[in-house]
C-alpha atoms as a PDB file:
ATOM      1  CA  MET A   1      85.722 107.840 104.637  1.00  0.00           C
ATOM      2  CA  ILE A   2      89.478 108.043 104.069  1.00  0.00           C
ATOM      3  CA  ILE A   3      91.575 105.861 106.382  1.00  0.00           C
ATOM      4  CA  ASP A   4      95.357 105.922 106.630  1.00  0.00           C
ATOM      5  CA  SER A   5      96.115 102.314 107.522  1.00  0.00           C
ATOM      6  CA  HIS A   6      99.703 102.898 108.662  1.00  0.00           C
ATOM      7  CA  ALA A   7     101.123 105.864 110.601  1.00  0.00           C
ATOM      8  CA  HIS A   8     103.910 105.851 113.192  1.00  0.00           C
ATOM      9  CA  ILE A   9     103.470 107.922 116.328  1.00  0.00           C
ATOM     10  CA  SER A  10     106.019 108.835 118.971  1.00  0.00           C
ATOM     11  CA  LYS A  11     106.901 111.527 121.481  1.00  0.00           C
ATOM     12  CA  ARG A  12     109.371 113.059 119.058  1.00  0.00           C
ATOM     13  CA  THR A  13     108.207 116.438 117.741  1.00  0.00           C
ATOM     14  CA  ALA A  14     107.909 115.364 114.087  1.00  0.00           C
ATOM     15  CA  ALA A  15     105.753 112.360 114.977  1.00  0.00           C
ATOM     16  CA  LYS A  16     103.406 113.797 117.585  1.00  0.00           C
ATOM     17  CA  PRO A  17      99.640 113.319 117.152  1.00  0.00           C
ATOM     18  CA  GLU A  18      98.945 117.010 116.568  1.00  0.00           C
ATOM     19  CA  ILE A  19     101.373 117.057 113.618  1.00  0.00           C
ATOM     20  CA  LEU A  20      99.753 113.941 112.205  1.00  0.00           C
ATOM     21  CA  ILE A  21      96.287 115.466 112.498  1.00  0.00           C
ATOM     22  CA  GLN A  22      97.483 118.568 110.618  1.00  0.00           C
ATOM     23  CA  ASP A  23      98.740 116.325 107.809  1.00  0.00           C
ATOM     24  CA  MET A  24      95.510 114.338 107.840  1.00  0.00           C
ATOM     25  CA  ASP A  25      93.418 117.485 107.547  1.00  0.00           C
ATOM     26  CA  LEU A  26      95.504 118.775 104.640  1.00  0.00           C
ATOM     27  CA  ALA A  27      95.086 115.461 102.796  1.00  0.00           C
ATOM     28  CA  GLY A  28      91.422 114.985 103.688  1.00  0.00           C
ATOM     29  CA  ILE A  29      92.082 111.878 105.782  1.00  0.00           C
ATOM     30  CA  ASP A  30      89.407 111.065 108.364  1.00  0.00           C
ATOM     31  CA  LYS A  31      91.128 108.402 110.466  1.00  0.00           C
ATOM     32  CA  ALA A  32      94.615 106.956 110.881  1.00  0.00           C
ATOM     33  CA  VAL A  33      95.879 103.655 112.233  1.00  0.00           C
ATOM     34  CA  LEU A  34      98.642 104.320 114.746  1.00  0.00           C
ATOM     35  CA  VAL A  35     101.580 102.040 115.492  1.00  0.00           C
ATOM     36  CA  PRO A  36     104.522 102.807 117.792  1.00  0.00           C
ATOM     37  CA  GLY A  37     107.279 104.854 116.172  1.00  0.00           C
ATOM     38  CA  GLY A  38     110.733 105.850 117.298  1.00  0.00           C
ATOM     39  CA  MET A  39     112.162 102.323 117.190  1.00  0.00           C
ATOM     40  CA  LEU A  40     114.531 102.930 114.257  1.00  0.00           C
ATOM     41  CA  ASP A  41     116.937 105.682 113.242  1.00  0.00           C
ATOM     42  CA  ILE A  42     115.446 106.483 109.834  1.00  0.00           C
ATOM     43  CA  ARG A  43     118.779 107.991 108.738  1.00  0.00           C
ATOM     44  CA  LYS A  44     120.144 104.436 108.763  1.00  0.00           C
ATOM     45  CA  MET A  45     117.161 102.814 107.034  1.00  0.00           C
ATOM     46  CA  SER A  46     119.170 101.611 104.029  1.00  0.00           C
ATOM     47  CA  GLU A  47     121.696  99.974 106.349  1.00  0.00           C
ATOM     48  CA  TYR A  48     118.910  98.205 108.215  1.00  0.00           C
ATOM     49  CA  THR A  49     117.004  97.058 105.129  1.00  0.00           C
ATOM     50  CA  THR A  50     120.153  95.643 103.503  1.00  0.00           C
ATOM     51  CA  LEU A  51     121.156  93.980 106.801  1.00  0.00           C
ATOM     52  CA  ARG A  52     124.494  95.826 106.930  1.00  0.00           C
ATOM     53  CA  GLU A  53     123.537  97.064 110.375  1.00  0.00           C
ATOM     54  CA  LYS A  54     121.142  95.844 113.037  1.00  0.00           C
ATOM     55  CA  PRO A  55     119.106  98.284 115.112  1.00  0.00           C
ATOM     56  CA  GLU A  56     119.008  97.954 118.861  1.00  0.00           C
ATOM     57  CA  PRO A  57     115.917  95.925 119.816  1.00  0.00           C
ATOM     58  CA  VAL A  58     113.582  98.174 121.799  1.00  0.00           C
ATOM     59  CA  GLN A  59     110.217  97.644 123.368  1.00  0.00           C
ATOM     60  CA  PRO A  60     107.457  99.357 121.366  1.00  0.00           C
ATOM     61  CA  ASP A  61     105.694 102.208 123.138  1.00  0.00           C
ATOM     62  CA  ASN A  62     102.172 100.839 122.862  1.00  0.00           C
ATOM     63  CA  GLU A  63     101.150 102.911 125.867  1.00  0.00           C
ATOM     64  CA  TYR A  64     101.757 106.104 123.908  1.00  0.00           C
ATOM     65  CA  VAL A  65      99.615 104.806 121.051  1.00  0.00           C
ATOM     66  CA  GLU A  66      96.878 104.026 123.576  1.00  0.00           C
ATOM     67  CA  HIS A  67      97.256 107.537 125.012  1.00  0.00           C
ATOM     68  CA  CYS A  68      96.951 109.186 121.576  1.00  0.00           C
ATOM     69  CA  VAL A  69      93.878 107.141 120.658  1.00  0.00           C
ATOM     70  CA  ALA A  70      92.264 108.175 123.954  1.00  0.00           C
ATOM     71  CA  LEU A  71      93.057 111.842 123.215  1.00  0.00           C
ATOM     72  CA  TYR A  72      91.586 111.720 119.706  1.00  0.00           C
ATOM     73  CA  PRO A  73      89.229 108.715 119.532  1.00  0.00           C
ATOM     74  CA  GLU A  74      87.418 110.036 116.463  1.00  0.00           C
ATOM     75  CA  ARG A  75      90.652 110.315 114.472  1.00  0.00           C
ATOM     76  CA  PHE A  76      92.849 107.413 115.568  1.00  0.00           C
ATOM     77  CA  ILE A  77      92.774 103.606 115.643  1.00  0.00           C
ATOM     78  CA  GLY A  78      95.486 101.684 117.478  1.00  0.00           C
ATOM     79  CA  PHE A  79      97.438  98.630 116.331  1.00  0.00           C
ATOM     80  CA  TYR A  80      99.470  96.916 119.044  1.00  0.00           C
ATOM     81  CA  CYS A  81     103.123  96.163 118.231  1.00  0.00           C
ATOM     82  CA  ILE A  82     104.184  92.888 119.795  1.00  0.00           C
ATOM     83  CA  ASN A  83     107.708  91.583 120.319  1.00  0.00           C
ATOM     84  CA  PRO A  84     107.744  87.887 119.294  1.00  0.00           C
ATOM     85  CA  LEU A  85     110.606  87.295 121.714  1.00  0.00           C
ATOM     86  CA  THR A  86     108.074  87.626 124.518  1.00  0.00           C
ATOM     87  CA  ASP A  87     107.615  84.404 126.461  1.00  0.00           C
ATOM     88  CA  ALA A  88     105.023  82.302 124.635  1.00  0.00           C
ATOM     89  CA  ARG A  89     103.081  81.900 127.883  1.00  0.00           C
ATOM     90  CA  ASP A  90     102.610  85.668 128.043  1.00  0.00           C
ATOM     91  CA  ILE A  91     101.730  86.379 124.425  1.00  0.00           C
ATOM     92  CA  GLU A  92      98.048  85.437 124.660  1.00  0.00           C
ATOM     93  CA  SER A  93      97.622  87.533 127.800  1.00  0.00           C
ATOM     94  CA  GLU A  94      99.323  90.441 126.024  1.00  0.00           C
ATOM     95  CA  VAL A  95      97.067  90.136 122.977  1.00  0.00           C
ATOM     96  CA  LYS A  96      93.916  89.848 125.109  1.00  0.00           C
ATOM     97  CA  LEU A  97      94.886  92.893 127.147  1.00  0.00           C
ATOM     98  CA  ALA A  98      95.603  94.872 123.972  1.00  0.00           C
ATOM     99  CA  ILE A  99      92.126  94.091 122.639  1.00  0.00           C
ATOM    100  CA  GLN A 100      90.537  94.991 125.958  1.00  0.00           C
ATOM    101  CA  LYS A 101      92.321  98.346 125.765  1.00  0.00           C
ATOM    102  CA  GLY A 102      90.817  98.986 122.344  1.00  0.00           C
ATOM    103  CA  PHE A 103      93.597  98.018 119.951  1.00  0.00           C
ATOM    104  CA  LYS A 104      92.162  96.778 116.640  1.00  0.00           C
ATOM    105  CA  GLY A 105      95.086  94.808 115.233  1.00  0.00           C
ATOM    106  CA  ILE A 106      98.591  93.445 115.816  1.00  0.00           C
ATOM    107  CA  LYS A 107     101.782  94.856 114.263  1.00  0.00           C
ATOM    108  CA  LEU A 108     105.088  93.020 113.727  1.00  0.00           C
ATOM    109  CA  ALA A 109     108.398  94.841 113.191  1.00  0.00           C
ATOM    110  CA  PRO A 110     110.956  92.333 111.815  1.00  0.00           C
ATOM    111  CA  LEU A 111     113.652  94.974 111.369  1.00  0.00           C
ATOM    112  CA  VAL A 112     113.508  95.771 115.092  1.00  0.00           C
ATOM    113  CA  HIS A 113     112.721  92.428 116.722  1.00  0.00           C
ATOM    114  CA  PRO A 114     114.552  89.281 115.580  1.00  0.00           C
ATOM    115  CA  MET A 115     111.945  86.807 114.361  1.00  0.00           C
ATOM    116  CA  SER A 116     111.160  84.138 111.807  1.00  0.00           C
ATOM    117  CA  PHE A 117     107.936  83.611 109.874  1.00  0.00           C
ATOM    118  CA  LEU A 118     108.910  79.940 109.668  1.00  0.00           C
ATOM    119  CA  GLU A 119     108.997  79.030 113.347  1.00  0.00           C
ATOM    120  CA  GLY A 120     108.672  80.234 116.907  1.00  0.00           C
ATOM    121  CA  ASN A 121     106.025  82.476 118.395  1.00  0.00           C
ATOM    122  CA  ILE A 122     104.916  83.979 115.086  1.00  0.00           C
ATOM    123  CA  ASN A 123     102.591  81.057 114.409  1.00  0.00           C
ATOM    124  CA  TRP A 124     101.037  81.487 117.848  1.00  0.00           C
ATOM    125  CA  ILE A 125     100.540  85.212 117.256  1.00  0.00           C
ATOM    126  CA  ALA A 126      98.928  84.539 113.861  1.00  0.00           C
ATOM    127  CA  GLU A 127      96.630  81.958 115.401  1.00  0.00           C
ATOM    128  CA  LEU A 128      95.566  84.407 118.123  1.00  0.00           C
ATOM    129  CA  CYS A 129      94.764  87.015 115.471  1.00  0.00           C
ATOM    130  CA  SER A 130      92.491  84.483 113.830  1.00  0.00           C
ATOM    131  CA  THR A 131      90.877  83.503 117.134  1.00  0.00           C
ATOM    132  CA  TYR A 132      90.152  87.111 118.070  1.00  0.00           C
ATOM    133  CA  ASP A 133      89.326  88.271 114.538  1.00  0.00           C
ATOM    134  CA  ILE A 134      91.921  91.027 114.286  1.00  0.00           C
ATOM    135  CA  PRO A 135      94.301  91.775 111.389  1.00  0.00           C
ATOM    136  CA  LEU A 136      98.025  91.071 111.562  1.00  0.00           C
ATOM    137  CA  TYR A 137     100.175  93.772 109.936  1.00  0.00           C
ATOM    138  CA  THR A 138     103.806  92.997 109.191  1.00  0.00           C
ATOM    139  CA  HIS A 139     106.739  94.373 107.294  1.00  0.00           C
ATOM    140  CA  VAL A 140     108.930  91.993 105.313  1.00  0.00           C
ATOM    141  CA  THR A 141     112.703  92.124 104.862  1.00  0.00           C
ATOM    142  CA  VAL A 142     115.421  90.664 102.641  1.00  0.00           C
ATOM    143  CA  ASN A 143     116.239  88.156 105.382  1.00  0.00           C
ATOM    144  CA  GLU A 144     115.283  84.644 104.254  1.00  0.00           C
ATOM    145  CA  GLU A 145     113.311  84.126 107.478  1.00  0.00           C
ATOM    146  CA  THR A 146     111.210  87.274 107.098  1.00  0.00           C
ATOM    147  CA  ASN A 147     110.955  87.823 103.342  1.00  0.00           C
ATOM    148  CA  THR A 148     107.800  87.328 101.287  1.00  0.00           C
ATOM    149  CA  PHE A 149     108.676  83.690 100.558  1.00  0.00           C
ATOM    150  CA  ALA A 150     108.871  82.971 104.276  1.00  0.00           C
ATOM    151  CA  LEU A 151     105.651  84.927 104.780  1.00  0.00           C
ATOM    152  CA  GLU A 152     103.934  82.671 102.252  1.00  0.00           C
ATOM    153  CA  SER A 153     104.526  79.750 104.606  1.00  0.00           C
ATOM    154  CA  LEU A 154     102.838  81.658 107.436  1.00  0.00           C
ATOM    155  CA  VAL A 155      99.938  82.700 105.235  1.00  0.00           C
ATOM    156  CA  ALA A 156      99.339  79.144 104.073  1.00  0.00           C
ATOM    157  CA  LYS A 157      99.284  77.845 107.648  1.00  0.00           C
ATOM    158  CA  HIS A 158      96.772  80.459 108.794  1.00  0.00           C
ATOM    159  CA  PRO A 159      94.118  80.901 106.098  1.00  0.00           C
ATOM    160  CA  ASN A 160      91.705  82.495 108.573  1.00  0.00           C
ATOM    161  CA  THR A 161      94.157  85.184 109.691  1.00  0.00           C
ATOM    162  CA  THR A 162      93.956  88.505 107.859  1.00  0.00           C
ATOM    163  CA  ILE A 163      97.553  89.450 107.004  1.00  0.00           C
ATOM    164  CA  ILE A 164      98.515  92.926 105.779  1.00  0.00           C
ATOM    165  CA  ILE A 165     101.874  93.294 104.032  1.00  0.00           C
ATOM    166  CA  GLY A 166     103.404  96.686 104.794  1.00  0.00           C
ATOM    167  CA  HIS A 167     104.572  98.846 101.863  1.00  0.00           C
ATOM    168  CA  MET A 168     103.492  96.101  99.442  1.00  0.00           C
ATOM    169  CA  GLY A 169     106.590  94.058 100.233  1.00  0.00           C
ATOM    170  CA  ILE A 170     110.311  94.673  99.748  1.00  0.00           C
ATOM    171  CA  GLY A 171     111.746  97.376  97.533  1.00  0.00           C
ATOM    172  CA  ASP A 172     110.140  99.059  94.553  1.00  0.00           C
ATOM    173  CA  VAL A 173     108.153  96.166  93.080  1.00  0.00           C
ATOM    174  CA  ASP A 174     107.824  92.984  95.113  1.00  0.00           C
ATOM    175  CA  GLN A 175     106.122  90.712  92.620  1.00  0.00           C
ATOM    176  CA  HIS A 176     105.937  87.874  95.105  1.00  0.00           C
ATOM    177  CA  ALA A 177     104.026  90.049  97.588  1.00  0.00           C
ATOM    178  CA  ILE A 178     101.573  90.903  94.816  1.00  0.00           C
ATOM    179  CA  ASN A 179     101.319  87.193  94.013  1.00  0.00           C
ATOM    180  CA  LEU A 180     100.410  86.446  97.634  1.00  0.00           C
ATOM    181  CA  ALA A 181      97.638  89.046  97.607  1.00  0.00           C
ATOM    182  CA  SER A 182      96.366  87.579  94.354  1.00  0.00           C
ATOM    183  CA  GLU A 183      96.490  83.933  95.435  1.00  0.00           C
ATOM    184  CA  PHE A 184      95.415  84.110  99.080  1.00  0.00           C
ATOM    185  CA  PRO A 185      92.059  85.623 100.120  1.00  0.00           C
ATOM    186  CA  ASN A 186      93.456  86.619 103.516  1.00  0.00           C
ATOM    187  CA  VAL A 187      96.388  88.743 102.251  1.00  0.00           C
ATOM    188  CA  TYR A 188      96.247  92.519 101.697  1.00  0.00           C
ATOM    189  CA  LEU A 189      98.799  95.106 100.537  1.00  0.00           C
ATOM    190  CA  GLU A 190      99.351  98.395 102.359  1.00  0.00           C
ATOM    191  CA  THR A 191     100.344 101.057  99.835  1.00  0.00           C
ATOM    192  CA  SER A 192     102.676 103.529 101.572  1.00  0.00           C
ATOM    193  CA  LEU A 193     106.023 104.129  99.818  1.00  0.00           C
ATOM    194  CA  ALA A 194     104.973 101.931  96.881  1.00  0.00           C
ATOM    195  CA  PRO A 195     105.658 103.373  93.408  1.00  0.00           C
ATOM    196  CA  ILE A 196     102.855 103.876  90.892  1.00  0.00           C
ATOM    197  CA  LEU A 197     104.006 100.913  88.798  1.00  0.00           C
ATOM    198  CA  ALA A 198     103.670  98.539  91.747  1.00  0.00           C
ATOM    199  CA  LEU A 199     100.192  99.894  92.490  1.00  0.00           C
ATOM    200  CA  LYS A 200      99.114  99.348  88.887  1.00  0.00           C
ATOM    201  CA  LEU A 201     100.496  95.809  88.825  1.00  0.00           C
ATOM    202  CA  ALA A 202      98.789  94.961  92.116  1.00  0.00           C
ATOM    203  CA  ILE A 203      95.438  96.306  90.911  1.00  0.00           C
ATOM    204  CA  LYS A 204      95.714  94.384  87.652  1.00  0.00           C
ATOM    205  CA  GLN A 205      96.680  91.126  89.317  1.00  0.00           C
ATOM    206  CA  ALA A 206      95.066  91.163  92.780  1.00  0.00           C
ATOM    207  CA  GLY A 207      92.299  93.748  92.297  1.00  0.00           C
ATOM    208  CA  VAL A 208      91.385  96.997  94.037  1.00  0.00           C
ATOM    209  CA  LYS A 209      89.828  95.163  96.983  1.00  0.00           C
ATOM    210  CA  LYS A 210      93.270  93.975  98.104  1.00  0.00           C
ATOM    211  CA  LEU A 211      94.894  97.404  98.538  1.00  0.00           C
ATOM    212  CA  LEU A 212      94.856  99.471 101.741  1.00  0.00           C
ATOM    213  CA  PHE A 213      95.910 103.124 101.613  1.00  0.00           C
ATOM    214  CA  GLY A 214      98.712 104.098 104.023  1.00  0.00           C
ATOM    215  CA  THR A 215     101.034 107.066 104.505  1.00  0.00           C
ATOM    216  CA  GLU A 216     103.986 105.856 106.630  1.00  0.00           C
ATOM    217  CA  PHE A 217     103.840 109.100 108.625  1.00  0.00           C
ATOM    218  CA  PRO A 218     106.200 110.804 109.417  1.00  0.00           C
ATOM    219  CA  LEU A 219     108.619 109.268 106.897  1.00  0.00           C
ATOM    220  CA  SER A 220     106.384 110.072 103.931  1.00  0.00           C
ATOM    221  CA  ASP A 221     103.792 112.760 103.230  1.00  0.00           C
ATOM    222  CA  ALA A 222     100.039 112.221 103.352  1.00  0.00           C
ATOM    223  CA  LEU A 223      99.322 114.439 100.347  1.00  0.00           C
ATOM    224  CA  VAL A 224     101.930 112.632  98.242  1.00  0.00           C
ATOM    225  CA  GLU A 225     100.672 109.181  99.223  1.00  0.00           C
ATOM    226  CA  ARG A 226      97.058 110.111  98.530  1.00  0.00           C
ATOM    227  CA  GLU A 227      97.904 111.716  95.197  1.00  0.00           C
ATOM    228  CA  LYS A 228      99.370 108.402  94.017  1.00  0.00           C
ATOM    229  CA  ILE A 229      95.943 106.818  94.507  1.00  0.00           C
ATOM    230  CA  ASN A 230      94.184 109.800  92.910  1.00  0.00           C
ATOM    231  CA  ARG A 231      96.291 109.456  89.761  1.00  0.00           C
ATOM    232  CA  LEU A 232      95.363 105.822  89.162  1.00  0.00           C
ATOM    233  CA  SER A 233      92.992 105.183  86.267  1.00  0.00           C
ATOM    234  CA  LEU A 234      90.155 103.988  88.469  1.00  0.00           C
ATOM    235  CA  SER A 235      86.562 104.966  89.109  1.00  0.00           C
ATOM    236  CA  ASP A 236      85.762 107.062  92.171  1.00  0.00           C
ATOM    237  CA  GLU A 237      84.179 103.979  93.740  1.00  0.00           C
ATOM    238  CA  GLU A 238      87.332 101.910  93.184  1.00  0.00           C
ATOM    239  CA  LYS A 239      89.539 104.643  94.621  1.00  0.00           C
ATOM    240  CA  GLN A 240      87.305 104.850  97.668  1.00  0.00           C
ATOM    241  CA  LEU A 241      87.786 101.128  98.297  1.00  0.00           C
ATOM    242  CA  ILE A 242      91.557 101.600  98.422  1.00  0.00           C
ATOM    243  CA  LEU A 243      91.376 104.852 100.406  1.00  0.00           C
ATOM    244  CA  GLY A 244      89.189 103.476 103.159  1.00  0.00           C
ATOM    245  CA  GLY A 245      86.465 101.052 102.159  1.00  0.00           C
ATOM    246  CA  ASN A 246      88.635  97.948 102.199  1.00  0.00           C
ATOM    247  CA  PHE A 247      90.119  98.712 105.599  1.00  0.00           C
ATOM    248  CA  ALA A 248      86.739  99.581 107.103  1.00  0.00           C
ATOM    249  CA  ARG A 249      85.495  96.192 105.920  1.00  0.00           C
ATOM    250  CA  LEU A 250      88.399  94.423 107.615  1.00  0.00           C
ATOM    251  CA  LEU A 251      87.674  96.100 110.929  1.00  0.00           C
ATOM    252  CA  THR A 252      84.179  94.637 110.987  1.00  0.00           C
ATOM    253  CA  LEU A 253      85.945  91.345 111.801  1.00  0.00           C
ATOM    254  CA  THR A 254      86.558  92.694 115.285  1.00  0.00           C
ATOM    255  CA  ILE A 255      84.025  91.727 117.954  1.00  0.00           C
ATOM    256  CA  PRO A 256      84.069  92.678 121.656  1.00  0.00           C
ATOM    257  CA  ILE A 257      86.274  90.315 123.609  1.00  0.00           C
ATOM    258  CA  GLU A 258      83.557  89.646 126.175  1.00  0.00           C
ATOM    259  CA  GLN A 259      81.382  88.184 123.393  1.00  0.00           C
ATOM    260  CA  ARG A 260      83.999  85.705 122.226  1.00  0.00           C
ATOM    261  CA  THR A 261      84.003  82.040 123.079  1.00  0.00           C
END
């Protein structure tokens, strides 16, 4: 089974579920993990990533993700995007409700929502992910409070929380992100937008079991992202781990909320 572990969905034409399914079918992808899209103007991405400009903080449209998963339950898996600025008293209720609605993980968007991996509600969110056995997916930025060095502090504090680093870190080759995946059993690297060199370095250092295939739909192309994995000098079994096996294994951590203590 091929699983895209990171696709953005929104009501905009280019990011609608039917367009995503067409791309999935062309690339032979069975399932995709949806997160809310439409929170950033992608034409200004370089300004955002270099901190020259700040996007307007917006509430993620988790309801649309829920709607799309309900429309196509055999194709989509939902990750719930949470705003860490939410009142700490409400965060646990929000996470519980997300799980009850069928979301399988939590997503953080540091470029959109001001946050710090070093303090505040992030530690509470990470602890809840551990308690409820769901992965925590996050991007990292060049900001000293949300870069891979800051993330290391969060990872070390929460060894039982599965943490997925989006796009394998910052920029073309984030060696520190690869180091984290190599050193910490609970850290994984999502591959979308990563160059071949970074993929090869990550496989050599952290191993194929630490990589999760992603496409970053609609910003990137599913065929292109999959071809990068196909071109790696790996066995078919190793490629299958990256393309879906590793992510499927992570989802077995999830247990029905009514069975939790």
